[in-house]
Amino acid sequence: AAMALPGAAEAMAAQGFTHGVASGEPGANSILLWTRYAAPSDTR
């Protein structure tokens, strides 16, 4: 359930995470992580 894509209930629990997660630019010791968090203001 935790790894599955969010359905309606999971989307409510995840609140502002609208488009899942992604990663890229791999190196031997590093990776770039991506997400989208929609909110009325900038969110840390």
Full PDB file with SEQRES, HELIX, SHEET, SSBOND, CRYST1, ORIGX, SCALE, CONECT and MASTER records, all heavy atoms in Angstrom:
SEQRES   1 A   44  ALA ALA MET ALA LEU PRO GLY ALA ALA GLU ALA MET ALA          
SEQRES   2 A   44  ALA GLN GLY PHE THR HIS GLY VAL ALA SER GLY GLU PRO          
SEQRES   3 A   44  GLY ALA ASN SER ILE LEU LEU TRP THR ARG TYR ALA ALA          
SEQRES   4 A   44  PRO SER ASP THR ARG                                          
HELIX    1 AA1 ALA A    8  ALA A   14  1                                   7    
SHEET    1 AA1 2 PHE A  17  GLY A  24  0                                        
SHEET    2 AA1 2 LEU A  32  TYR A  37 -1                                        
CRYST1    1.000    1.000    1.000  90.00  90.00  90.00 P 1           1          
ORIGX1      1.000000  0.000000  0.000000        0.00000                         
ORIGX2      0.000000  1.000000  0.000000        0.00000                         
ORIGX3      0.000000  0.000000  1.000000        0.00000                         
SCALE1      1.000000  0.000000  0.000000        0.00000                         
SCALE2      0.000000  1.000000  0.000000        0.00000                         
SCALE3      0.000000  0.000000  1.000000        0.00000                         
ATOM      1  N   ALA A   1       0.827  -1.202   0.000  1.00  0.00           N  
ATOM      2  CA  ALA A   1       0.000   0.000   0.000  1.00  0.00           C  
ATOM      3  C   ALA A   1       0.858   1.248   0.000  1.00  0.00           C  
ATOM      4  O   ALA A   1       0.547   2.241  -0.650  1.00  0.00           O  
ATOM      5  CB  ALA A   1      -0.930  -0.007   1.221  1.00  0.00           C  
ATOM      6  N   ALA A   2       1.960   1.193   0.717  1.00  0.00           N  
ATOM      7  CA  ALA A   2       2.817   2.376   0.792  1.00  0.00           C  
ATOM      8  C   ALA A   2       3.502   2.661  -0.531  1.00  0.00           C  
ATOM      9  O   ALA A   2       3.723   3.820  -0.876  1.00  0.00           O  
ATOM     10  CB  ALA A   2       3.870   2.184   1.885  1.00  0.00           C  
ATOM     11  N   MET A   3       3.836   1.596  -1.290  1.00  0.00           N  
ATOM     12  CA  MET A   3       4.511   1.805  -2.565  1.00  0.00           C  
ATOM     13  C   MET A   3       3.548   2.051  -3.713  1.00  0.00           C  
ATOM     14  O   MET A   3       3.934   2.519  -4.768  1.00  0.00           O  
ATOM     15  CB  MET A   3       5.368   0.580  -2.912  1.00  0.00           C  
ATOM     16  CG  MET A   3       6.668   0.500  -2.140  1.00  0.00           C  
ATOM     17  SD  MET A   3       7.813   1.807  -2.565  1.00  0.00           S  
ATOM     18  CE  MET A   3       8.427   1.225  -4.141  1.00  0.00           C  
ATOM     19  N   ALA A   4       2.265   1.741  -3.523  1.00  0.00           N  
ATOM     20  CA  ALA A   4       1.306   1.879  -4.609  1.00  0.00           C  
ATOM     21  C   ALA A   4       1.082   3.340  -4.939  1.00  0.00           C  
ATOM     22  O   ALA A   4       1.288   4.230  -4.110  1.00  0.00           O  
ATOM     23  CB  ALA A   4      -0.022   1.227  -4.212  1.00  0.00           C  
ATOM     24  N   LEU A   5       0.627   3.588  -6.141  1.00  0.00           N  
ATOM     25  CA  LEU A   5       0.285   4.947  -6.531  1.00  0.00           C  
ATOM     26  C   LEU A   5      -0.905   5.411  -5.712  1.00  0.00           C  
ATOM     27  O   LEU A   5      -1.823   4.649  -5.428  1.00  0.00           O  
ATOM     28  CB  LEU A   5      -0.058   5.004  -8.012  1.00  0.00           C  
ATOM     29  CG  LEU A   5       1.120   4.834  -8.940  1.00  0.00           C  
ATOM     30  CD1 LEU A   5       0.638   4.615 -10.353  1.00  0.00           C  
ATOM     31  CD2 LEU A   5       2.013   6.055  -8.873  1.00  0.00           C  
ATOM     32  N   PRO A   6      -0.956   6.708  -5.340  1.00  0.00           N  
ATOM     33  CA  PRO A   6      -2.037   7.182  -4.482  1.00  0.00           C  
ATOM     34  C   PRO A   6      -3.374   7.218  -5.205  1.00  0.00           C  
ATOM     35  O   PRO A   6      -3.496   7.789  -6.274  1.00  0.00           O  
ATOM     36  CB  PRO A   6      -1.578   8.595  -4.090  1.00  0.00           C  
ATOM     37  CG  PRO A   6      -0.655   9.011  -5.182  1.00  0.00           C  
ATOM     38  CD  PRO A   6       0.019   7.762  -5.644  1.00  0.00           C  
ATOM     39  N   GLY A   7      -4.387   6.565  -4.614  1.00  0.00           N  
ATOM     40  CA  GLY A   7      -5.753   6.726  -5.084  1.00  0.00           C  
ATOM     41  C   GLY A   7      -6.403   7.875  -4.354  1.00  0.00           C  
ATOM     42  O   GLY A   7      -5.724   8.739  -3.793  1.00  0.00           O  
ATOM     43  N   ALA A   8      -7.726   7.899  -4.288  1.00  0.00           N  
ATOM     44  CA  ALA A   8      -8.420   9.039  -3.672  1.00  0.00           C  
ATOM     45  C   ALA A   8      -8.066   9.173  -2.197  1.00  0.00           C  
ATOM     46  O   ALA A   8      -7.740  10.259  -1.713  1.00  0.00           O  
ATOM     47  CB  ALA A   8      -9.923   8.866  -3.861  1.00  0.00           C  
ATOM     48  N   ALA A   9      -8.115   8.034  -1.464  1.00  0.00           N  
ATOM     49  CA  ALA A   9      -7.824   8.110  -0.032  1.00  0.00           C  
ATOM     50  C   ALA A   9      -6.384   8.501   0.220  1.00  0.00           C  
ATOM     51  O   ALA A   9      -6.087   9.343   1.082  1.00  0.00           O  
ATOM     52  CB  ALA A   9      -8.125   6.755   0.629  1.00  0.00           C  
ATOM     53  N   GLU A  10      -5.468   7.893  -0.553  1.00  0.00           N  
ATOM     54  CA  GLU A  10      -4.052   8.204  -0.360  1.00  0.00           C  
ATOM     55  C   GLU A  10      -3.763   9.652  -0.726  1.00  0.00           C  
ATOM     56  O   GLU A  10      -2.944  10.323  -0.093  1.00  0.00           O  
ATOM     57  CB  GLU A  10      -3.187   7.263  -1.204  1.00  0.00           C  
ATOM     58  CG  GLU A  10      -3.190   5.821  -0.714  1.00  0.00           C  
ATOM     59  CD  GLU A  10      -4.346   5.034  -1.290  1.00  0.00           C  
ATOM     60  OE1 GLU A  10      -5.224   5.650  -1.922  1.00  0.00           O  
ATOM     61  OE2 GLU A  10      -4.375   3.810  -1.096  1.00  0.00           O  
ATOM     62  N   ALA A  11      -4.434  10.166  -1.769  1.00  0.00           N  
ATOM     63  CA  ALA A  11      -4.205  11.553  -2.167  1.00  0.00           C  
ATOM     64  C   ALA A  11      -4.617  12.503  -1.054  1.00  0.00           C  
ATOM     65  O   ALA A  11      -3.964  13.524  -0.810  1.00  0.00           O  
ATOM     66  CB  ALA A  11      -4.984  11.863  -3.444  1.00  0.00           C  
ATOM     67  N   MET A  12      -5.720  12.177  -0.360  1.00  0.00           N  
ATOM     68  CA  MET A  12      -6.151  13.023   0.761  1.00  0.00           C  
ATOM     69  C   MET A  12      -5.111  12.985   1.869  1.00  0.00           C  
ATOM     70  O   MET A  12      -4.778  14.000   2.470  1.00  0.00           O  
ATOM     71  CB  MET A  12      -7.500  12.550   1.290  1.00  0.00           C  
ATOM     72  CG  MET A  12      -8.672  12.812   0.338  1.00  0.00           C  
ATOM     73  SD  MET A  12     -10.227  12.224   0.995  1.00  0.00           S  
ATOM     74  CE  MET A  12     -10.393  13.248   2.466  1.00  0.00           C  
ATOM     75  N   ALA A  13      -4.563  11.782   2.129  1.00  0.00           N  
ATOM     76  CA  ALA A  13      -3.565  11.662   3.188  1.00  0.00           C  
ATOM     77  C   ALA A  13      -2.286  12.401   2.823  1.00  0.00           C  
ATOM     78  O   ALA A  13      -1.622  12.981   3.670  1.00  0.00           O  
ATOM     79  CB  ALA A  13      -3.269  10.188   3.455  1.00  0.00           C  
ATOM     80  N   ALA A  14      -1.943  12.355   1.518  1.00  0.00           N  
ATOM     81  CA  ALA A  14      -0.718  13.008   1.082  1.00  0.00           C  
ATOM     82  C   ALA A  14      -0.870  14.506   0.941  1.00  0.00           C  
ATOM     83  O   ALA A  14       0.118  15.204   0.759  1.00  0.00           O  
ATOM     84  CB  ALA A  14      -0.272  12.410  -0.249  1.00  0.00           C  
ATOM     85  N   GLN A  15      -2.084  15.004   1.017  1.00  0.00           N  
ATOM     86  CA  GLN A  15      -2.369  16.428   0.921  1.00  0.00           C  
ATOM     87  C   GLN A  15      -1.784  17.026  -0.343  1.00  0.00           C  
ATOM     88  O   GLN A  15      -2.249  16.728  -1.431  1.00  0.00           O  
ATOM     89  CB  GLN A  15      -1.899  17.147   2.186  1.00  0.00           C  
ATOM     90  CG  GLN A  15      -2.681  16.707   3.431  1.00  0.00           C  
ATOM     91  CD  GLN A  15      -2.326  17.491   4.664  1.00  0.00           C  
ATOM     92  OE1 GLN A  15      -1.860  18.620   4.579  1.00  0.00           O  
ATOM     93  NE2 GLN A  15      -2.535  16.911   5.813  1.00  0.00           N  
ATOM     94  N   GLY A  16      -0.721  17.846  -0.222  1.00  0.00           N  
ATOM     95  CA  GLY A  16      -0.251  18.618  -1.357  1.00  0.00           C  
ATOM     96  C   GLY A  16       0.633  17.889  -2.338  1.00  0.00           C  
ATOM     97  O   GLY A  16       1.067  18.484  -3.314  1.00  0.00           O  
ATOM     98  N   PHE A  17       0.980  16.623  -2.123  1.00  0.00           N  
ATOM     99  CA  PHE A  17       1.822  15.880  -3.063  1.00  0.00           C  
ATOM    100  C   PHE A  17       0.951  15.413  -4.232  1.00  0.00           C  
ATOM    101  O   PHE A  17       0.246  14.421  -4.142  1.00  0.00           O  
ATOM    102  CB  PHE A  17       2.493  14.701  -2.365  1.00  0.00           C  
ATOM    103  CG  PHE A  17       3.497  15.112  -1.322  1.00  0.00           C  
ATOM    104  CD1 PHE A  17       3.196  15.023   0.025  1.00  0.00           C  
ATOM    105  CD2 PHE A  17       4.739  15.610  -1.702  1.00  0.00           C  
ATOM    106  CE1 PHE A  17       4.120  15.406   0.989  1.00  0.00           C  
ATOM    107  CE2 PHE A  17       5.668  15.993  -0.740  1.00  0.00           C  
ATOM    108  CZ  PHE A  17       5.354  15.898   0.607  1.00  0.00           C  
ATOM    109  N   THR A  18       1.008  16.139  -5.333  1.00  0.00           N  
ATOM    110  CA  THR A  18       0.037  15.946  -6.416  1.00  0.00           C  
ATOM    111  C   THR A  18       0.488  14.995  -7.508  1.00  0.00           C  
ATOM    112  O   THR A  18      -0.347  14.464  -8.239  1.00  0.00           O  
ATOM    113  CB  THR A  18      -0.278  17.297  -7.074  1.00  0.00           C  
ATOM    114  OG1 THR A  18       0.931  17.821  -7.661  1.00  0.00           O  
ATOM    115  CG2 THR A  18      -0.847  18.282  -6.069  1.00  0.00           C  
ATOM    116  N   HIS A  19       1.782  14.769  -7.687  1.00  0.00           N  
ATOM    117  CA  HIS A  19       2.261  14.016  -8.844  1.00  0.00           C  
ATOM    118  C   HIS A  19       3.331  12.994  -8.486  1.00  0.00           C  
ATOM    119  O   HIS A  19       4.207  12.690  -9.296  1.00  0.00           O  
ATOM    120  CB  HIS A  19       2.789  14.967  -9.916  1.00  0.00           C  
ATOM    121  CG  HIS A  19       1.704  15.702 -10.642  1.00  0.00           C  
ATOM    122  ND1 HIS A  19       1.093  16.804 -10.104  1.00  0.00           N  
ATOM    123  CD2 HIS A  19       1.116  15.472 -11.847  1.00  0.00           C  
ATOM    124  CE1 HIS A  19       0.170  17.245 -10.962  1.00  0.00           C  
ATOM    125  NE2 HIS A  19       0.163  16.451 -12.010  1.00  0.00           N  
ATOM    126  N   GLY A  20       3.249  12.455  -7.283  1.00  0.00           N  
ATOM    127  CA  GLY A  20       4.181  11.406  -6.916  1.00  0.00           C  
ATOM    128  C   GLY A  20       5.604  11.904  -6.744  1.00  0.00           C  
ATOM    129  O   GLY A  20       5.847  13.064  -6.377  1.00  0.00           O  
ATOM    130  N   VAL A  21       6.563  11.033  -7.028  1.00  0.00           N  
ATOM    131  CA  VAL A  21       7.976  11.339  -6.854  1.00  0.00           C  
ATOM    132  C   VAL A  21       8.741  10.845  -8.078  1.00  0.00           C  
ATOM    133  O   VAL A  21       8.247  10.036  -8.853  1.00  0.00           O  
ATOM    134  CB  VAL A  21       8.549  10.700  -5.570  1.00  0.00           C  
ATOM    135  CG1 VAL A  21       7.924  11.305  -4.330  1.00  0.00           C  
ATOM    136  CG2 VAL A  21       8.357   9.178  -5.597  1.00  0.00           C  
ATOM    137  N   ALA A  22       9.947  11.343  -8.216  1.00  0.00           N  
ATOM    138  CA  ALA A  22      10.819  10.921  -9.314  1.00  0.00           C  
ATOM    139  C   ALA A  22      12.259  11.135  -8.897  1.00  0.00           C  
ATOM    140  O   ALA A  22      12.551  11.893  -7.962  1.00  0.00           O  
ATOM    141  CB  ALA A  22      10.508  11.697 -10.593  1.00  0.00           C  
ATOM    142  N   SER A  23      13.164  10.468  -9.611  1.00  0.00           N  
ATOM    143  CA  SER A  23      14.591  10.655  -9.347  1.00  0.00           C  
ATOM    144  C   SER A  23      15.351  10.648 -10.658  1.00  0.00           C  
ATOM    145  O   SER A  23      14.869  10.143 -11.674  1.00  0.00           O  
ATOM    146  CB  SER A  23      15.130   9.567  -8.409  1.00  0.00           C  
ATOM    147  OG  SER A  23      15.106   8.296  -9.038  1.00  0.00           O  
ATOM    148  N   GLY A  24      16.534  11.227 -10.630  1.00  0.00           N  
ATOM    149  CA  GLY A  24      17.346  11.289 -11.839  1.00  0.00           C  
ATOM    150  C   GLY A  24      18.757  11.745 -11.540  1.00  0.00           C  
ATOM    151  O   GLY A  24      19.171  11.867 -10.383  1.00  0.00           O  
ATOM    152  N   GLU A  25      19.503  12.018 -12.618  1.00  0.00           N  
ATOM    153  CA  GLU A  25      20.892  12.474 -12.524  1.00  0.00           C  
ATOM    154  C   GLU A  25      21.722  11.611 -11.580  1.00  0.00           C  
ATOM    155  O   GLU A  25      22.414  12.121 -10.687  1.00  0.00           O  
ATOM    156  CB  GLU A  25      20.954  13.947 -12.095  1.00  0.00           C  
ATOM    157  CG  GLU A  25      20.206  14.894 -13.002  1.00  0.00           C  
ATOM    158  CD  GLU A  25      20.736  14.894 -14.433  1.00  0.00           C  
ATOM    159  OE1 GLU A  25      21.899  14.517 -14.650  1.00  0.00           O  
ATOM    160  OE2 GLU A  25      19.971  15.257 -15.342  1.00  0.00           O  
ATOM    161  N   PRO A  26      21.705  10.298 -11.740  1.00  0.00           N  
ATOM    162  CA  PRO A  26      22.453   9.448 -10.814  1.00  0.00           C  
ATOM    163  C   PRO A  26      23.953   9.582 -10.991  1.00  0.00           C  
ATOM    164  O   PRO A  26      24.460   9.738 -12.107  1.00  0.00           O  
ATOM    165  CB  PRO A  26      21.993   8.034 -11.193  1.00  0.00           C  
ATOM    166  CG  PRO A  26      21.640   8.147 -12.645  1.00  0.00           C  
ATOM    167  CD  PRO A  26      21.042   9.513 -12.801  1.00  0.00           C  
ATOM    168  N   GLY A  27      24.662   9.542  -9.890  1.00  0.00           N  
ATOM    169  CA  GLY A  27      26.108   9.421  -9.872  1.00  0.00           C  
ATOM    170  C   GLY A  27      26.473   8.253  -8.990  1.00  0.00           C  
ATOM    171  O   GLY A  27      25.598   7.566  -8.445  1.00  0.00           O  
ATOM    172  N   ALA A  28      27.752   8.013  -8.805  1.00  0.00           N  
ATOM    173  CA  ALA A  28      28.158   6.925  -7.922  1.00  0.00           C  
ATOM    174  C   ALA A  28      27.824   7.234  -6.470  1.00  0.00           C  
ATOM    175  O   ALA A  28      27.592   6.309  -5.674  1.00  0.00           O  
ATOM    176  CB  ALA A  28      29.656   6.661  -8.073  1.00  0.00           C  
ATOM    177  N   ASN A  29      27.770   8.508  -6.119  1.00  0.00           N  
ATOM    178  CA  ASN A  29      27.571   8.887  -4.716  1.00  0.00           C  
ATOM    179  C   ASN A  29      26.432   9.873  -4.509  1.00  0.00           C  
ATOM    180  O   ASN A  29      26.293  10.444  -3.424  1.00  0.00           O  
ATOM    181  CB  ASN A  29      28.862   9.488  -4.152  1.00  0.00           C  
ATOM    182  CG  ASN A  29      30.059   8.590  -4.334  1.00  0.00           C  
ATOM    183  OD1 ASN A  29      30.971   8.892  -5.106  1.00  0.00           O  
ATOM    184  ND2 ASN A  29      30.056   7.436  -3.667  1.00  0.00           N  
ATOM    185  N   SER A  30      25.609  10.092  -5.541  1.00  0.00           N  
ATOM    186  CA  SER A  30      24.559  11.103  -5.409  1.00  0.00           C  
ATOM    187  C   SER A  30      23.383  10.768  -6.310  1.00  0.00           C  
ATOM    188  O   SER A  30      23.498   9.988  -7.256  1.00  0.00           O  
ATOM    189  CB  SER A  30      25.109  12.489  -5.759  1.00  0.00           C  
ATOM    190  OG  SER A  30      25.512  12.538  -7.117  1.00  0.00           O  
ATOM    191  N   ILE A  31      22.248  11.401  -5.995  1.00  0.00           N  
ATOM    192  CA  ILE A  31      21.032  11.245  -6.792  1.00  0.00           C  
ATOM    193  C   ILE A  31      20.189  12.508  -6.631  1.00  0.00           C  
ATOM    194  O   ILE A  31      20.206  13.142  -5.568  1.00  0.00           O  
ATOM    195  CB  ILE A  31      20.235   9.985  -6.354  1.00  0.00           C  
ATOM    196  CG1 ILE A  31      19.183   9.609  -7.406  1.00  0.00           C  
ATOM    197  CG2 ILE A  31      19.617  10.171  -4.991  1.00  0.00           C  
ATOM    198  CD1 ILE A  31      19.729   8.960  -8.645  1.00  0.00           C  
ATOM    199  N   LEU A  32      19.460  12.880  -7.674  1.00  0.00           N  
ATOM    200  CA  LEU A  32      18.529  14.006  -7.614  1.00  0.00           C  
ATOM    201  C   LEU A  32      17.129  13.460  -7.352  1.00  0.00           C  
ATOM    202  O   LEU A  32      16.683  12.523  -8.018  1.00  0.00           O  
ATOM    203  CB  LEU A  32      18.556  14.790  -8.928  1.00  0.00           C  
ATOM    204  CG  LEU A  32      17.685  16.038  -9.052  1.00  0.00           C  
ATOM    205  CD1 LEU A  32      18.327  17.047 -10.000  1.00  0.00           C  
ATOM    206  CD2 LEU A  32      16.262  15.727  -9.534  1.00  0.00           C  
ATOM    207  N   LEU A  33      16.428  14.055  -6.373  1.00  0.00           N  
ATOM    208  CA  LEU A  33      15.063  13.652  -6.030  1.00  0.00           C  
ATOM    209  C   LEU A  33      14.096  14.773  -6.401  1.00  0.00           C  
ATOM    210  O   LEU A  33      14.421  15.955  -6.282  1.00  0.00           O  
ATOM    211  CB  LEU A  33      14.948  13.334  -4.537  1.00  0.00           C  
ATOM    212  CG  LEU A  33      15.935  12.308  -3.985  1.00  0.00           C  
ATOM    213  CD1 LEU A  33      15.702  12.102  -2.497  1.00  0.00           C  
ATOM    214  CD2 LEU A  33      15.831  10.984  -4.739  1.00  0.00           C  
ATOM    215  N   TRP A  34      12.884  14.393  -6.813  1.00  0.00           N  
ATOM    216  CA  TRP A  34      11.886  15.346  -7.317  1.00  0.00           C  
ATOM    217  C   TRP A  34      10.526  15.050  -6.714  1.00  0.00           C  
ATOM    218  O   TRP A  34      10.143  13.881  -6.537  1.00  0.00           O  
ATOM    219  CB  TRP A  34      11.807  15.206  -8.830  1.00  0.00           C  
ATOM    220  CG  TRP A  34      10.812  16.097  -9.541  1.00  0.00           C  
ATOM    221  CD1 TRP A  34      11.087  17.234 -10.233  1.00  0.00           C  
ATOM    222  CD2 TRP A  34       9.393  15.903  -9.661  1.00  0.00           C  
ATOM    223  NE1 TRP A  34       9.928  17.768 -10.772  1.00  0.00           N  
ATOM    224  CE2 TRP A  34       8.872  16.959 -10.426  1.00  0.00           C  
ATOM    225  CE3 TRP A  34       8.505  14.930  -9.182  1.00  0.00           C  
ATOM    226  CZ2 TRP A  34       7.515  17.094 -10.726  1.00  0.00           C  
ATOM    227  CZ3 TRP A  34       7.141  15.055  -9.466  1.00  0.00           C  
ATOM    228  CH2 TRP A  34       6.673  16.125 -10.237  1.00  0.00           C  
ATOM    229  N   THR A  35       9.775  16.109  -6.425  1.00  0.00           N  
ATOM    230  CA  THR A  35       8.353  15.971  -6.116  1.00  0.00           C  
ATOM    231  C   THR A  35       7.669  17.297  -6.393  1.00  0.00           C  
ATOM    232  O   THR A  35       8.322  18.305  -6.694  1.00  0.00           O  
ATOM    233  CB  THR A  35       8.116  15.519  -4.662  1.00  0.00           C  
ATOM    234  OG1 THR A  35       6.766  15.062  -4.528  1.00  0.00           O  
ATOM    235  CG2 THR A  35       8.363  16.672  -3.679  1.00  0.00           C  
ATOM    236  N   ARG A  36       6.354  17.284  -6.286  1.00  0.00           N  
ATOM    237  CA  ARG A  36       5.564  18.516  -6.394  1.00  0.00           C  
ATOM    238  C   ARG A  36       4.629  18.582  -5.201  1.00  0.00           C  
ATOM    239  O   ARG A  36       3.916  17.621  -4.914  1.00  0.00           O  
ATOM    240  CB  ARG A  36       4.761  18.552  -7.685  1.00  0.00           C  
ATOM    241  CG  ARG A  36       3.988  19.856  -7.898  1.00  0.00           C  
ATOM    242  CD  ARG A  36       3.343  19.904  -9.284  1.00  0.00           C  
ATOM    243  NE  ARG A  36       2.778  21.222  -9.559  1.00  0.00           N  
ATOM    244  CZ  ARG A  36       1.496  21.546  -9.358  1.00  0.00           C  
ATOM    245  NH1 ARG A  36       0.649  20.634  -8.874  1.00  0.00           N  
ATOM    246  NH2 ARG A  36       1.061  22.762  -9.635  1.00  0.00           N  
ATOM    247  N   TYR A  37       4.653  19.739  -4.519  1.00  0.00           N  
ATOM    248  CA  TYR A  37       3.793  19.944  -3.351  1.00  0.00           C  
ATOM    249  C   TYR A  37       3.028  21.236  -3.557  1.00  0.00           C  
ATOM    250  O   TYR A  37       3.594  22.336  -3.466  1.00  0.00           O  
ATOM    251  CB  TYR A  37       4.617  20.001  -2.069  1.00  0.00           C  
ATOM    252  CG  TYR A  37       3.776  20.035  -0.809  1.00  0.00           C  
ATOM    253  CD1 TYR A  37       3.344  18.852  -0.221  1.00  0.00           C  
ATOM    254  CD2 TYR A  37       3.405  21.251  -0.224  1.00  0.00           C  
ATOM    255  CE1 TYR A  37       2.567  18.869   0.934  1.00  0.00           C  
ATOM    256  CE2 TYR A  37       2.621  21.276   0.933  1.00  0.00           C  
ATOM    257  CZ  TYR A  37       2.200  20.087   1.501  1.00  0.00           C  
ATOM    258  OH  TYR A  37       1.418  20.090   2.633  1.00  0.00           O  
ATOM    259  N   ALA A  38       1.747  21.129  -3.882  1.00  0.00           N  
ATOM    260  CA  ALA A  38       0.928  22.305  -4.175  1.00  0.00           C  
ATOM    261  C   ALA A  38       0.347  22.862  -2.871  1.00  0.00           C  
ATOM    262  O   ALA A  38      -0.297  22.138  -2.110  1.00  0.00           O  
ATOM    263  CB  ALA A  38      -0.190  21.934  -5.133  1.00  0.00           C  
ATOM    264  N   ALA A  39       0.592  24.135  -2.628  1.00  0.00           N  
ATOM    265  CA  ALA A  39       0.116  24.797  -1.419  1.00  0.00           C  
ATOM    266  C   ALA A  39      -0.040  26.289  -1.704  1.00  0.00           C  
ATOM    267  O   ALA A  39       0.489  26.794  -2.702  1.00  0.00           O  
ATOM    268  CB  ALA A  39       1.104  24.573  -0.274  1.00  0.00           C  
ATOM    269  N   PRO A  40      -0.776  27.011  -0.862  1.00  0.00           N  
ATOM    270  CA  PRO A  40      -0.977  28.445  -1.111  1.00  0.00           C  
ATOM    271  C   PRO A  40       0.307  29.267  -1.071  1.00  0.00           C  
ATOM    272  O   PRO A  40       0.350  30.369  -1.627  1.00  0.00           O  
ATOM    273  CB  PRO A  40      -1.933  28.864   0.017  1.00  0.00           C  
ATOM    274  CG  PRO A  40      -2.599  27.604   0.463  1.00  0.00           C  
ATOM    275  CD  PRO A  40      -1.567  26.538   0.287  1.00  0.00           C  
ATOM    276  N   SER A  41       1.326  28.743  -0.420  1.00  0.00           N  
ATOM    277  CA  SER A  41       2.592  29.482  -0.321  1.00  0.00           C  
ATOM    278  C   SER A  41       3.756  28.505  -0.447  1.00  0.00           C  
ATOM    279  O   SER A  41       3.565  27.282  -0.447  1.00  0.00           O  
ATOM    280  CB  SER A  41       2.676  30.223   1.014  1.00  0.00           C  
ATOM    281  OG  SER A  41       2.603  29.312   2.096  1.00  0.00           O  
ATOM    282  N   ASP A  42       4.966  29.044  -0.545  1.00  0.00           N  
ATOM    283  CA  ASP A  42       6.145  28.188  -0.588  1.00  0.00           C  
ATOM    284  C   ASP A  42       6.169  27.275   0.638  1.00  0.00           C  
ATOM    285  O   ASP A  42       5.817  27.695   1.751  1.00  0.00           O  
ATOM    286  CB  ASP A  42       7.415  29.033  -0.609  1.00  0.00           C  
ATOM    287  CG  ASP A  42       7.541  29.853  -1.880  1.00  0.00           C  
ATOM    288  OD1 ASP A  42       6.715  29.671  -2.792  1.00  0.00           O  
ATOM    289  OD2 ASP A  42       8.469  30.682  -1.948  1.00  0.00           O  
ATOM    290  N   THR A  43       6.592  26.034   0.421  1.00  0.00           N  
ATOM    291  CA  THR A  43       6.563  25.049   1.496  1.00  0.00           C  
ATOM    292  C   THR A  43       7.909  24.369   1.609  1.00  0.00           C  
ATOM    293  O   THR A  43       8.440  23.842   0.632  1.00  0.00           O  
ATOM    294  CB  THR A  43       5.480  23.982   1.245  1.00  0.00           C  
ATOM    295  OG1 THR A  43       4.218  24.619   1.040  1.00  0.00           O  
ATOM    296  CG2 THR A  43       5.381  23.028   2.419  1.00  0.00           C  
ATOM    297  N   ARG A  44       8.444  24.362   2.828  1.00  0.00           N  
ATOM    298  CA  ARG A  44       9.714  23.699   3.089  1.00  0.00           C  
ATOM    299  C   ARG A  44       9.464  22.214   3.352  1.00  0.00           C  
ATOM    300  O   ARG A  44       8.698  21.846   4.243  1.00  0.00           O  
ATOM    301  CB  ARG A  44      10.421  24.325   4.300  1.00  0.00           C  
ATOM    302  CG  ARG A  44      11.897  23.980   4.412  1.00  0.00           C  
ATOM    303  CD  ARG A  44      12.694  24.664   3.332  1.00  0.00           C  
ATOM    304  NE  ARG A  44      14.142  24.434   3.492  1.00  0.00           N  
ATOM    305  CZ  ARG A  44      15.028  24.714   2.566  1.00  0.00           C  
ATOM    306  NH1 ARG A  44      14.624  25.241   1.404  1.00  0.00           N  
ATOM    307  NH2 ARG A  44      16.310  24.498   2.766  1.00  0.00           N  
TER     308      ARG A  44                                                      
MASTER        0    0    0    1    2    0    0    6  307    1    0    4          
END                                                                             
